[in-house]
Amino acid sequence: MTSNTLIQSTEIVHLSGISWQTYENLLVELSASRRLRLTYNRGNLEIMLPSPEHEIYKKVLGRFVETLSEELNVKIQPLGSTTFKHPELSGAEPDECFYIKNINLIKGKTRIDLQQDPPPDLVVEIDISSSSKNRFEVYAEMGVPEIWVYDRQTFSIHILQNKTYTNVDQSLAFPGLPVLEIVNFLEQVEQKDYLDLIREFRGWVKSKIEHR
């Protein structure tokens, strides 16, 4: 087993030559302290300890998704950082994830099996502590149709097309709204009170719905 630190942060470790069983064992051993995020892809394992800054943006962007759903009367099932696995191949834990189109297919389930269940319709990734690009291949293999990414400078939407992700302007989950304008609110996260920001975002959503 070899180790390589690839990102300039003491909160990220990359390991190679890791067996699937070792990954499974780590998930079990770390279950009592699940602040750590694990991403596995064919022997390569990333272990990340999210920073408070990362968690703030994760919470806000997840709340924005919920606010959009509320105002558009769209049913969603949030599953947070649930571990999704393709046995023997890959596994990942998104920052936030939501079932929307396929919500009825997983309703009432306490375990998601990607061999018979659909993947989340929307995954949210905050690229502050690490880059989500390492997880894109895993998400593509799972068939996740849409990923939102914020890296403290840009907010982007990525749609799965021909097994790879394409950067686009329109969201599949919330079509017809200028979702990329969310960046204007994310840029205010550290300056404004959390609930004040959510209220302002809700007002923005309502104004956009009225003028569609």
Protein backbone atom coordinates (compact mmCIF):
# COMPACT_ATOMS: atom_id res chain seq x y z
CA MET A 1 0.00 0.00 0.00
CA THR A 2 1.51 3.33 -1.04
CA SER A 3 0.59 6.84 0.07
CA ASN A 4 0.73 10.12 -1.84
CA THR A 5 -0.46 13.50 -0.59
CA LEU A 6 -1.67 15.28 -3.71
CA ILE A 7 -3.33 18.45 -2.41
CA GLN A 8 -1.63 21.11 -0.29
CA SER A 9 -3.69 20.47 2.81
CA THR A 10 -3.19 18.40 5.93
CA GLU A 11 -6.88 17.51 5.70
CA ILE A 12 -6.53 15.43 2.51
CA VAL A 13 -4.80 12.08 2.06
CA HIS A 14 -4.64 10.06 -1.15
CA LEU A 15 -3.80 6.36 -1.00
CA SER A 16 -3.25 3.90 -3.83
CA GLY A 17 -3.25 0.13 -3.95
CA ILE A 18 -6.20 -0.12 -1.56
CA SER A 19 -8.39 -3.21 -1.80
CA TRP A 20 -12.17 -3.04 -1.86
CA GLN A 21 -12.28 -4.98 1.40
CA THR A 22 -10.00 -2.42 3.07
CA TYR A 23 -12.32 0.36 1.91
CA GLU A 24 -15.34 -1.53 3.26
CA ASN A 25 -13.54 -2.09 6.57
CA LEU A 26 -12.71 1.59 6.87
CA LEU A 27 -16.35 2.52 6.32
CA VAL A 28 -17.30 0.24 9.20
CA GLU A 29 -14.44 1.29 11.50
CA LEU A 30 -15.10 4.99 10.93
CA SER A 31 -18.87 4.73 11.18
CA ALA A 32 -18.89 6.19 14.69
CA SER A 33 -16.95 9.26 13.56
CA ARG A 34 -18.20 10.05 10.10
CA ARG A 35 -16.77 13.50 9.72
CA LEU A 36 -14.25 11.88 7.39
CA ARG A 37 -15.25 11.65 3.72
CA LEU A 38 -14.06 8.64 1.73
CA THR A 39 -13.94 8.30 -2.05
CA TYR A 40 -12.83 5.02 -3.60
CA ASN A 41 -12.15 4.35 -7.26
CA ARG A 42 -10.47 1.13 -8.39
CA GLY A 43 -7.82 0.96 -5.72
CA ASN A 44 -7.42 4.70 -5.18
CA LEU A 45 -8.75 6.11 -1.92
CA GLU A 46 -9.17 9.75 -0.92
CA ILE A 47 -9.75 10.56 2.75
CA MET A 48 -10.86 14.09 3.55
CA LEU A 49 -11.61 15.89 6.79
CA PRO A 50 -13.95 18.76 5.79
CA SER A 51 -13.16 22.17 7.25
CA PRO A 52 -15.76 24.36 8.98
CA GLU A 53 -15.68 26.63 5.92
CA HIS A 54 -16.48 23.67 3.68
CA GLU A 55 -19.41 22.67 5.90
CA ILE A 56 -20.87 26.19 5.90
CA TYR A 57 -21.05 26.35 2.10
CA LYS A 58 -22.33 22.78 1.94
CA LYS A 59 -25.16 23.65 4.31
CA VAL A 60 -26.08 26.86 2.48
CA LEU A 61 -26.10 25.35 -1.00
CA GLY A 62 -28.12 22.38 0.23
CA ARG A 63 -30.61 24.78 1.77
CA PHE A 64 -30.83 26.64 -1.55
CA VAL A 65 -31.85 23.39 -3.25
CA GLU A 66 -34.54 22.86 -0.63
CA THR A 67 -35.76 26.44 -1.03
CA LEU A 68 -35.99 26.05 -4.81
CA SER A 69 -37.99 22.87 -4.30
CA GLU A 70 -40.35 24.51 -1.82
CA GLU A 71 -41.11 27.49 -4.02
CA LEU A 72 -41.48 25.41 -7.18
CA ASN A 73 -43.55 22.78 -5.35
CA VAL A 74 -41.10 20.07 -6.40
CA LYS A 75 -40.85 17.01 -4.16
CA ILE A 76 -37.34 16.05 -3.09
CA GLN A 77 -35.69 13.52 -0.80
CA PRO A 78 -32.39 14.82 0.64
CA LEU A 79 -29.89 12.10 1.51
CA GLY A 80 -26.96 14.28 2.58
CA SER A 81 -23.60 12.50 2.44
CA THR A 82 -24.95 8.98 2.02
CA THR A 83 -22.33 6.47 0.89
CA PHE A 84 -23.08 5.16 -2.62
CA LYS A 85 -21.16 2.14 -3.87
CA HIS A 86 -20.54 0.07 -6.97
CA PRO A 87 -19.27 -3.12 -5.28
CA GLU A 88 -15.62 -3.95 -5.95
CA LEU A 89 -15.18 -0.81 -8.10
CA SER A 90 -16.04 2.54 -6.57
CA GLY A 91 -17.74 4.41 -3.77
CA ALA A 92 -18.36 8.05 -2.92
CA GLU A 93 -20.06 10.32 -0.41
CA PRO A 94 -21.35 13.58 -1.93
CA ASP A 95 -21.46 16.75 0.13
CA GLU A 96 -25.21 16.82 -0.45
CA CYS A 97 -27.48 14.79 -2.70
CA PHE A 98 -31.15 14.78 -3.61
CA TYR A 99 -33.62 12.45 -5.23
CA ILE A 100 -36.09 14.43 -7.33
CA LYS A 101 -37.26 12.76 -10.54
CA ASN A 102 -36.70 9.29 -9.08
CA ILE A 103 -37.98 10.06 -5.59
CA ASN A 104 -40.78 7.48 -5.79
CA LEU A 105 -38.30 4.71 -6.63
CA ILE A 106 -36.46 5.06 -3.32
CA LYS A 107 -39.31 6.17 -1.07
CA GLY A 108 -39.34 4.25 2.21
CA LYS A 109 -35.94 2.63 1.62
CA THR A 110 -33.33 2.72 4.37
CA ARG A 111 -30.57 1.38 2.10
CA ILE A 112 -29.77 2.31 -1.50
CA ASP A 113 -28.40 -0.43 -3.74
CA LEU A 114 -27.18 1.01 -7.05
CA GLN A 115 -27.43 -2.41 -8.63
CA GLN A 116 -31.20 -2.05 -8.49
CA ASP A 117 -31.90 1.54 -7.36
CA PRO A 118 -31.26 4.76 -9.31
CA PRO A 119 -28.51 7.18 -8.21
CA PRO A 120 -29.36 10.62 -6.80
CA ASP A 121 -30.77 13.05 -9.36
CA LEU A 122 -28.63 15.90 -8.05
CA VAL A 123 -25.28 15.93 -6.27
CA VAL A 124 -23.80 19.05 -4.65
CA GLU A 125 -20.03 19.37 -4.21
CA ILE A 126 -18.08 22.12 -2.41
CA ASP A 127 -14.55 22.35 -3.77
CA ILE A 128 -12.87 24.21 -0.93
CA SER A 129 -11.01 21.47 0.94
CA SER A 130 -10.50 19.36 -2.18
CA SER A 131 -11.45 19.06 -5.84
CA SER A 132 -14.53 17.02 -6.75
CA LYS A 133 -13.03 16.21 -10.16
CA ASN A 134 -11.69 12.97 -8.67
CA ARG A 135 -15.28 11.99 -7.92
CA PHE A 136 -16.72 12.85 -11.34
CA GLU A 137 -15.64 9.51 -12.80
CA VAL A 138 -17.30 7.71 -9.89
CA TYR A 139 -20.52 9.72 -10.27
CA ALA A 140 -20.54 9.11 -14.03
CA GLU A 141 -20.23 5.37 -13.47
CA MET A 142 -23.14 5.55 -11.03
CA GLY A 143 -25.18 7.51 -13.58
CA VAL A 144 -25.70 10.68 -11.51
CA PRO A 145 -27.36 13.02 -14.06
CA GLU A 146 -26.42 16.39 -12.53
CA ILE A 147 -23.70 17.85 -10.29
CA TRP A 148 -23.50 21.37 -8.84
CA VAL A 149 -20.02 22.58 -7.89
CA TYR A 150 -18.92 25.67 -5.97
CA ASP A 151 -15.22 26.40 -5.46
CA ARG A 152 -15.46 29.81 -3.74
CA GLN A 153 -14.96 31.56 -7.08
CA THR A 154 -17.38 29.96 -9.50
CA PHE A 155 -20.63 28.00 -9.36
CA SER A 156 -21.11 25.49 -12.17
CA ILE A 157 -23.66 22.95 -13.38
CA HIS A 158 -22.48 19.68 -14.90
CA ILE A 159 -24.79 17.35 -16.84
CA LEU A 160 -23.98 13.73 -17.67
CA GLN A 161 -23.80 13.24 -21.44
CA ASN A 162 -22.29 10.17 -23.10
CA LYS A 163 -20.80 9.03 -19.78
CA THR A 164 -18.92 12.31 -19.18
CA TYR A 165 -19.93 15.60 -17.57
CA THR A 166 -20.54 18.72 -19.62
CA ASN A 167 -20.61 22.22 -18.14
CA VAL A 168 -24.01 23.78 -18.97
CA ASP A 169 -26.11 26.85 -18.21
CA GLN A 170 -29.41 25.17 -17.32
CA SER A 171 -30.26 22.75 -14.53
CA LEU A 172 -32.10 19.51 -15.25
CA ALA A 173 -33.56 19.54 -11.76
CA PHE A 174 -34.86 23.12 -11.98
CA PRO A 175 -35.28 23.99 -15.66
CA GLY A 176 -36.32 27.46 -16.71
CA LEU A 177 -34.60 29.26 -13.83
CA PRO A 178 -31.23 31.07 -14.06
CA VAL A 179 -29.74 28.77 -11.44
CA LEU A 180 -26.19 29.97 -12.16
CA GLU A 181 -27.14 33.24 -10.45
CA ILE A 182 -26.92 31.32 -7.18
CA VAL A 183 -23.26 32.36 -7.17
CA ASN A 184 -24.34 35.89 -6.25
CA PHE A 185 -25.72 34.56 -2.97
CA LEU A 186 -22.85 32.18 -2.28
CA GLU A 187 -20.46 35.12 -2.50
CA GLN A 188 -22.28 36.67 0.47
CA VAL A 189 -22.11 33.65 2.78
CA GLU A 190 -19.35 35.07 4.99
CA GLN A 191 -20.83 38.56 5.16
CA LYS A 192 -24.48 37.89 5.94
CA ASP A 193 -26.44 36.12 8.62
CA TYR A 194 -27.41 32.60 7.55
CA LEU A 195 -31.18 33.03 7.83
CA ASP A 196 -31.10 36.52 6.31
CA LEU A 197 -29.31 35.07 3.29
CA ILE A 198 -31.85 32.26 2.97
CA ARG A 199 -34.71 34.78 3.11
CA GLU A 200 -33.08 36.89 0.41
CA PHE A 201 -32.57 33.82 -1.74
CA ARG A 202 -36.21 32.82 -1.29
CA GLY A 203 -37.25 36.29 -2.44
CA TRP A 204 -35.06 35.92 -5.52
CA VAL A 205 -36.62 32.55 -6.35
CA LYS A 206 -40.15 33.94 -6.02
CA SER A 207 -39.32 36.88 -8.29
CA LYS A 208 -37.91 34.58 -10.96
CA ILE A 209 -40.95 32.32 -10.80
CA GLU A 210 -43.29 35.30 -11.20
CA HIS A 211 -41.47 36.45 -14.34
CA ARG A 212 -41.12 33.10 -16.08
